[in-house]
Amino acid sequence: MTMIVINIHEAKAKLSEYLDAVAKGERVLICKRNQPVAELRAVEQKRIEPRRIGGVTGIVIPPSFFDPMPDEFLNAFESGPIYPESQSTPSRVAEVPARYGAGERASRVITTKDTKAKKLTKKI
């Protein structure tokens, strides 16, 4: 399969020829001022026969897969707590106040108010 590169004028003049080439499996790249703009290619045909169910070959399911699970195993799922209690104390990372920037921010706000007050007093 090759790619045919043509300009827009040539595509207009010989569209039916390029459509025949596309039907045979070629790809046609249409350019405008030597820059690719569009590509003509064949449309994928719809599947005629249905897909096979399963798709993967070689997977073997042993007969023990269908045996019932042991009672101990089921009890661990059905009677256990939904959220098991942890052994350590819970972490409270989100509740720790921020240590950075709080003092500077407050002093900056006061400073800007003071400078505005100074400017106002000078103008009056």
N, C-alpha and C. Protein backbone atom coordinates (compact mmCIF):
# COMPACT_ATOMS: atom_id res chain seq x y z
N MET A 1 0.84 -1.16 0.00
CA MET A 1 0.00 0.00 0.00
C MET A 1 0.90 1.24 0.00
N THR A 2 0.61 2.13 -0.90
CA THR A 2 1.37 3.37 -1.00
C THR A 2 0.46 4.56 -0.72
N MET A 3 1.05 5.71 -0.57
CA MET A 3 0.27 6.91 -0.35
C MET A 3 0.51 7.85 -1.51
N ILE A 4 -0.56 8.33 -2.11
CA ILE A 4 -0.49 9.27 -3.21
C ILE A 4 -0.67 10.67 -2.64
N VAL A 5 0.23 11.59 -2.96
CA VAL A 5 0.16 12.96 -2.47
C VAL A 5 -0.22 13.86 -3.65
N ILE A 6 -1.33 14.60 -3.47
CA ILE A 6 -1.82 15.46 -4.56
C ILE A 6 -2.22 16.81 -3.97
N ASN A 7 -2.37 17.82 -4.89
CA ASN A 7 -2.86 19.11 -4.43
C ASN A 7 -4.38 19.20 -4.67
N ILE A 8 -5.00 20.26 -4.16
CA ILE A 8 -6.45 20.37 -4.22
C ILE A 8 -6.95 20.44 -5.66
N HIS A 9 -6.26 21.18 -6.51
CA HIS A 9 -6.69 21.31 -7.91
C HIS A 9 -6.71 19.94 -8.60
N GLU A 10 -5.69 19.16 -8.38
CA GLU A 10 -5.63 17.83 -8.98
C GLU A 10 -6.72 16.91 -8.42
N ALA A 11 -7.03 17.06 -7.12
CA ALA A 11 -8.09 16.26 -6.51
C ALA A 11 -9.45 16.59 -7.13
N LYS A 12 -9.70 17.87 -7.40
CA LYS A 12 -10.95 18.27 -8.04
C LYS A 12 -11.06 17.71 -9.46
N ALA A 13 -9.96 17.77 -10.19
CA ALA A 13 -9.98 17.36 -11.60
C ALA A 13 -10.09 15.85 -11.77
N LYS A 14 -9.47 15.08 -10.88
CA LYS A 14 -9.40 13.63 -11.07
C LYS A 14 -9.96 12.86 -9.87
N LEU A 15 -11.02 13.36 -9.26
CA LEU A 15 -11.56 12.73 -8.05
C LEU A 15 -11.96 11.28 -8.28
N SER A 16 -12.62 10.99 -9.40
CA SER A 16 -13.07 9.62 -9.65
C SER A 16 -11.89 8.65 -9.77
N GLU A 17 -10.80 9.08 -10.35
CA GLU A 17 -9.62 8.22 -10.46
C GLU A 17 -9.05 7.91 -9.07
N TYR A 18 -9.00 8.93 -8.23
CA TYR A 18 -8.45 8.71 -6.89
C TYR A 18 -9.38 7.87 -6.03
N LEU A 19 -10.69 7.99 -6.25
CA LEU A 19 -11.63 7.13 -5.53
C LEU A 19 -11.46 5.68 -5.92
N ASP A 20 -11.17 5.43 -7.20
CA ASP A 20 -10.89 4.06 -7.65
C ASP A 20 -9.62 3.53 -6.99
N ALA A 21 -8.61 4.38 -6.87
CA ALA A 21 -7.36 3.97 -6.23
C ALA A 21 -7.59 3.67 -4.75
N VAL A 22 -8.42 4.47 -4.11
CA VAL A 22 -8.73 4.25 -2.69
C VAL A 22 -9.48 2.92 -2.52
N ALA A 23 -10.37 2.61 -3.44
CA ALA A 23 -11.12 1.35 -3.37
C ALA A 23 -10.18 0.15 -3.49
N LYS A 24 -9.05 0.32 -4.17
CA LYS A 24 -8.07 -0.76 -4.32
C LYS A 24 -7.12 -0.86 -3.13
N GLY A 25 -7.24 0.09 -2.16
CA GLY A 25 -6.40 0.01 -0.97
C GLY A 25 -5.37 1.11 -0.84
N GLU A 26 -5.30 2.02 -1.79
CA GLU A 26 -4.35 3.13 -1.72
C GLU A 26 -4.87 4.20 -0.75
N ARG A 27 -3.99 5.06 -0.31
CA ARG A 27 -4.37 6.24 0.47
C ARG A 27 -3.96 7.46 -0.32
N VAL A 28 -4.82 8.47 -0.30
CA VAL A 28 -4.56 9.70 -1.04
C VAL A 28 -4.49 10.84 -0.04
N LEU A 29 -3.38 11.56 -0.03
CA LEU A 29 -3.18 12.70 0.85
C LEU A 29 -3.36 13.97 0.04
N ILE A 30 -4.33 14.80 0.43
CA ILE A 30 -4.62 16.03 -0.29
C ILE A 30 -3.95 17.18 0.45
N CYS A 31 -3.17 17.98 -0.30
CA CYS A 31 -2.40 19.07 0.30
C CYS A 31 -2.86 20.42 -0.24
N LYS A 32 -2.67 21.44 0.58
CA LYS A 32 -2.91 22.82 0.17
C LYS A 32 -1.61 23.56 0.44
N ARG A 33 -1.00 24.05 -0.62
CA ARG A 33 0.31 24.71 -0.54
C ARG A 33 1.34 23.80 0.14
N ASN A 34 1.36 22.55 -0.27
CA ASN A 34 2.30 21.53 0.20
C ASN A 34 2.15 21.19 1.68
N GLN A 35 1.03 21.54 2.29
CA GLN A 35 0.74 21.17 3.67
C GLN A 35 -0.44 20.20 3.67
N PRO A 36 -0.34 19.04 4.30
CA PRO A 36 -1.45 18.08 4.31
C PRO A 36 -2.70 18.68 4.94
N VAL A 37 -3.84 18.48 4.25
CA VAL A 37 -5.11 19.00 4.71
C VAL A 37 -6.10 17.87 4.97
N ALA A 38 -6.13 16.87 4.09
CA ALA A 38 -7.09 15.78 4.22
C ALA A 38 -6.48 14.49 3.69
N GLU A 39 -7.12 13.40 4.06
CA GLU A 39 -6.65 12.09 3.61
C GLU A 39 -7.86 11.28 3.16
N LEU A 40 -7.78 10.72 1.98
CA LEU A 40 -8.81 9.81 1.48
C LEU A 40 -8.34 8.39 1.74
N ARG A 41 -9.19 7.62 2.41
CA ARG A 41 -8.88 6.22 2.63
C ARG A 41 -10.17 5.43 2.63
N ALA A 42 -10.08 4.14 2.44
CA ALA A 42 -11.26 3.29 2.34
C ALA A 42 -11.96 3.19 3.69
N VAL A 43 -13.27 3.08 3.65
CA VAL A 43 -14.07 2.91 4.86
C VAL A 43 -14.01 1.44 5.25
N GLU A 44 -13.82 1.19 6.55
CA GLU A 44 -13.80 -0.18 7.04
C GLU A 44 -15.17 -0.81 6.83
N GLN A 45 -15.18 -2.00 6.28
CA GLN A 45 -16.44 -2.69 6.03
C GLN A 45 -16.98 -3.29 7.31
N LYS A 46 -18.30 -3.37 7.42
CA LYS A 46 -18.91 -3.97 8.60
C LYS A 46 -18.66 -5.47 8.61
N ARG A 47 -18.66 -6.02 9.81
CA ARG A 47 -18.43 -7.45 9.99
C ARG A 47 -19.61 -8.23 9.41
N ILE A 48 -19.35 -9.24 8.62
CA ILE A 48 -20.40 -10.05 7.99
C ILE A 48 -20.83 -11.17 8.93
N GLU A 49 -19.87 -11.84 9.54
CA GLU A 49 -20.19 -12.94 10.45
C GLU A 49 -20.03 -12.45 11.89
N PRO A 50 -20.80 -12.98 12.81
CA PRO A 50 -20.71 -12.50 14.20
C PRO A 50 -19.38 -12.88 14.84
N ARG A 51 -18.99 -12.07 15.84
CA ARG A 51 -17.75 -12.36 16.57
C ARG A 51 -17.92 -13.60 17.42
N ARG A 52 -16.83 -14.31 17.57
CA ARG A 52 -16.83 -15.50 18.40
C ARG A 52 -16.83 -15.10 19.87
N ILE A 53 -17.66 -15.73 20.66
CA ILE A 53 -17.73 -15.42 22.08
C ILE A 53 -16.54 -16.05 22.78
N GLY A 54 -15.94 -15.29 23.66
CA GLY A 54 -14.80 -15.81 24.42
C GLY A 54 -13.50 -15.22 23.94
N GLY A 55 -13.29 -15.17 22.68
CA GLY A 55 -12.13 -14.52 22.11
C GLY A 55 -10.77 -15.13 22.43
N VAL A 56 -10.50 -15.45 23.68
CA VAL A 56 -9.18 -15.94 24.08
C VAL A 56 -9.21 -17.45 24.14
N THR A 57 -8.19 -18.07 23.59
CA THR A 57 -8.10 -19.53 23.64
C THR A 57 -7.03 -19.93 24.65
N GLY A 58 -7.16 -21.11 25.18
CA GLY A 58 -6.14 -21.64 26.08
C GLY A 58 -6.44 -21.43 27.55
N ILE A 59 -7.52 -20.76 27.90
CA ILE A 59 -7.87 -20.59 29.31
C ILE A 59 -8.67 -21.80 29.76
N VAL A 60 -8.20 -22.43 30.81
CA VAL A 60 -8.86 -23.62 31.33
C VAL A 60 -9.36 -23.32 32.74
N ILE A 61 -10.65 -23.52 32.98
CA ILE A 61 -11.22 -23.32 34.30
C ILE A 61 -11.36 -24.70 34.95
N PRO A 62 -10.66 -24.89 36.08
CA PRO A 62 -10.73 -26.21 36.72
C PRO A 62 -12.11 -26.43 37.34
N PRO A 63 -12.53 -27.68 37.48
CA PRO A 63 -13.84 -27.96 38.09
C PRO A 63 -13.96 -27.47 39.53
N SER A 64 -12.85 -27.34 40.24
CA SER A 64 -12.89 -26.88 41.63
C SER A 64 -13.34 -25.42 41.73
N PHE A 65 -13.31 -24.69 40.63
CA PHE A 65 -13.77 -23.31 40.61
C PHE A 65 -15.25 -23.21 40.98
N PHE A 66 -16.02 -24.21 40.61
CA PHE A 66 -17.45 -24.19 40.84
C PHE A 66 -17.86 -24.80 42.19
N ASP A 67 -16.91 -25.32 42.96
CA ASP A 67 -17.22 -25.85 44.30
C ASP A 67 -17.57 -24.70 45.24
N PRO A 68 -18.44 -24.97 46.23
CA PRO A 68 -18.76 -23.90 47.18
C PRO A 68 -17.55 -23.54 48.04
N MET A 69 -17.51 -22.28 48.48
CA MET A 69 -16.39 -21.81 49.30
C MET A 69 -16.53 -22.37 50.71
N PRO A 70 -15.41 -22.53 51.41
CA PRO A 70 -15.47 -23.03 52.79
C PRO A 70 -16.18 -22.02 53.71
N ASP A 71 -16.83 -22.52 54.77
CA ASP A 71 -17.57 -21.67 55.69
C ASP A 71 -16.68 -20.64 56.37
N GLU A 72 -15.45 -20.98 56.73
CA GLU A 72 -14.55 -20.03 57.39
C GLU A 72 -14.28 -18.83 56.48
N PHE A 73 -14.11 -19.12 55.23
CA PHE A 73 -13.83 -18.06 54.26
C PHE A 73 -15.04 -17.13 54.12
N LEU A 74 -16.24 -17.70 54.01
CA LEU A 74 -17.44 -16.89 53.88
C LEU A 74 -17.72 -16.10 55.14
N ASN A 75 -17.49 -16.69 56.30
CA ASN A 75 -17.71 -15.97 57.56
C ASN A 75 -16.79 -14.76 57.69
N ALA A 76 -15.58 -14.87 57.19
CA ALA A 76 -14.65 -13.74 57.25
C ALA A 76 -15.19 -12.56 56.45
N PHE A 77 -15.89 -12.82 55.36
CA PHE A 77 -16.47 -11.75 54.56
C PHE A 77 -17.78 -11.23 55.15
N GLU A 78 -18.64 -12.12 55.60
CA GLU A 78 -19.99 -11.73 55.97
C GLU A 78 -20.13 -11.24 57.40
N SER A 79 -19.31 -11.70 58.32
CA SER A 79 -19.51 -11.33 59.72
C SER A 79 -18.46 -10.36 60.24
N GLY A 80 -17.47 -10.01 59.47
CA GLY A 80 -16.43 -9.09 59.92
C GLY A 80 -16.92 -7.65 59.90
N PRO A 81 -16.19 -6.75 60.54
CA PRO A 81 -16.58 -5.34 60.54
C PRO A 81 -16.39 -4.72 59.15
N ILE A 82 -17.21 -3.73 58.89
CA ILE A 82 -17.10 -3.07 57.57
C ILE A 82 -15.80 -2.29 57.50
N TYR A 83 -15.50 -1.52 58.55
CA TYR A 83 -14.25 -0.79 58.62
C TYR A 83 -13.48 -1.33 59.82
N PRO A 84 -12.51 -2.19 59.61
CA PRO A 84 -11.78 -2.75 60.75
C PRO A 84 -11.04 -1.65 61.50
N GLU A 85 -10.99 -1.80 62.83
CA GLU A 85 -10.30 -0.82 63.65
C GLU A 85 -8.80 -0.94 63.45
N SER A 86 -8.15 0.20 63.35
CA SER A 86 -6.71 0.17 63.12
C SER A 86 -5.98 -0.01 64.45
N GLN A 87 -4.76 -0.47 64.39
CA GLN A 87 -3.96 -0.73 65.58
C GLN A 87 -3.38 0.55 66.16
N SER A 88 -3.11 1.54 65.34
CA SER A 88 -2.48 2.77 65.81
C SER A 88 -3.52 3.89 65.90
N THR A 89 -3.12 4.99 66.47
CA THR A 89 -4.03 6.14 66.55
C THR A 89 -4.16 6.76 65.16
N PRO A 90 -5.33 7.29 64.84
CA PRO A 90 -5.51 7.85 63.50
C PRO A 90 -4.67 9.11 63.29
N SER A 91 -4.23 9.30 62.10
CA SER A 91 -3.44 10.47 61.75
C SER A 91 -4.37 11.66 61.54
N ARG A 92 -3.99 12.80 62.03
CA ARG A 92 -4.80 14.01 61.88
C ARG A 92 -4.02 15.05 61.08
N VAL A 93 -3.52 14.65 59.94
CA VAL A 93 -2.68 15.53 59.13
C VAL A 93 -3.47 16.73 58.65
N ALA A 94 -4.71 16.54 58.26
CA ALA A 94 -5.49 17.64 57.72
C ALA A 94 -5.88 18.65 58.78
N GLU A 95 -5.83 18.28 60.06
CA GLU A 95 -6.24 19.18 61.12
C GLU A 95 -5.10 20.02 61.67
N VAL A 96 -3.88 19.80 61.21
CA VAL A 96 -2.74 20.57 61.69
C VAL A 96 -2.80 21.95 61.04
N PRO A 97 -2.74 23.04 61.80
CA PRO A 97 -2.78 24.37 61.19
C PRO A 97 -1.51 24.63 60.37
N ALA A 98 -1.65 25.43 59.34
CA ALA A 98 -0.51 25.75 58.49
C ALA A 98 0.48 26.59 59.28
N ARG A 99 1.76 26.27 59.15
CA ARG A 99 2.80 26.98 59.90
C ARG A 99 3.48 28.04 59.04
N TYR A 100 3.28 28.00 57.76
CA TYR A 100 4.03 28.90 56.90
C TYR A 100 3.13 30.04 56.44
N GLY A 101 3.66 31.22 56.38
CA GLY A 101 2.99 32.35 55.76
C GLY A 101 1.92 33.03 56.57
N ALA A 102 1.42 32.46 57.65
CA ALA A 102 0.31 33.08 58.37
C ALA A 102 0.75 34.38 59.03
N GLY A 103 1.91 34.37 59.67
CA GLY A 103 2.39 35.58 60.33
C GLY A 103 2.76 36.66 59.34
N GLU A 104 3.40 36.28 58.24
CA GLU A 104 3.81 37.25 57.23
C GLU A 104 2.60 37.88 56.57
N ARG A 105 1.60 37.09 56.31
CA ARG A 105 0.42 37.59 55.62
C ARG A 105 -0.29 38.64 56.47
N ALA A 106 -0.43 38.36 57.77
CA ALA A 106 -1.08 39.32 58.65
C ALA A 106 -0.28 40.61 58.72
N SER A 107 1.04 40.52 58.80
CA SER A 107 1.85 41.74 58.88
C SER A 107 1.79 42.51 57.57
N ARG A 108 1.70 41.82 56.44
CA ARG A 108 1.60 42.51 55.15
C ARG A 108 0.30 43.28 55.05
N VAL A 109 -0.78 42.68 55.55
CA VAL A 109 -2.08 43.35 55.48
C VAL A 109 -2.05 44.61 56.31
N ILE A 110 -1.46 44.52 57.50
CA ILE A 110 -1.37 45.69 58.38
C ILE A 110 -0.50 46.75 57.72
N THR A 111 0.60 46.31 57.11
CA THR A 111 1.51 47.25 56.47
C THR A 111 0.80 48.00 55.35
N THR A 112 0.05 47.28 54.50
CA THR A 112 -0.62 47.96 53.40
C THR A 112 -1.67 48.92 53.91
N LYS A 113 -2.36 48.59 54.99
CA LYS A 113 -3.35 49.51 55.55
C LYS A 113 -2.64 50.75 56.10
N ASP A 114 -1.48 50.54 56.75
CA ASP A 114 -0.74 51.67 57.30
C ASP A 114 -0.26 52.60 56.19
N THR A 115 0.22 52.04 55.09
CA THR A 115 0.72 52.89 54.00
C THR A 115 -0.42 53.66 53.36
N LYS A 116 -1.59 53.04 53.23
CA LYS A 116 -2.73 53.76 52.68
C LYS A 116 -3.15 54.88 53.63
N ALA A 117 -3.12 54.59 54.93
CA ALA A 117 -3.46 55.61 55.91
C ALA A 117 -2.48 56.76 55.86
N LYS A 118 -1.20 56.46 55.69
CA LYS A 118 -0.18 57.51 55.59
C LYS A 118 -0.41 58.37 54.37
N LYS A 119 -0.74 57.73 53.22
CA LYS A 119 -0.99 58.47 52.00
C LYS A 119 -2.21 59.38 52.16
N LEU A 120 -3.22 58.87 52.82
CA LEU A 120 -4.42 59.67 53.02
C LEU A 120 -4.13 60.88 53.93
N THR A 121 -3.34 60.64 54.96
CA THR A 121 -3.03 61.77 55.88
C THR A 121 -2.18 62.80 55.19
N LYS A 122 -1.30 62.36 54.29
CA LYS A 122 -0.46 63.33 53.59
C LYS A 122 -1.29 64.19 52.64
N LYS A 123 -2.30 63.58 52.00
CA LYS A 123 -3.11 64.32 51.05
C LYS A 123 -4.00 65.34 51.77
N ILE A 124 -4.41 65.03 52.97
CA ILE A 124 -5.30 65.92 53.68
C ILE A 124 -4.49 67.05 54.21
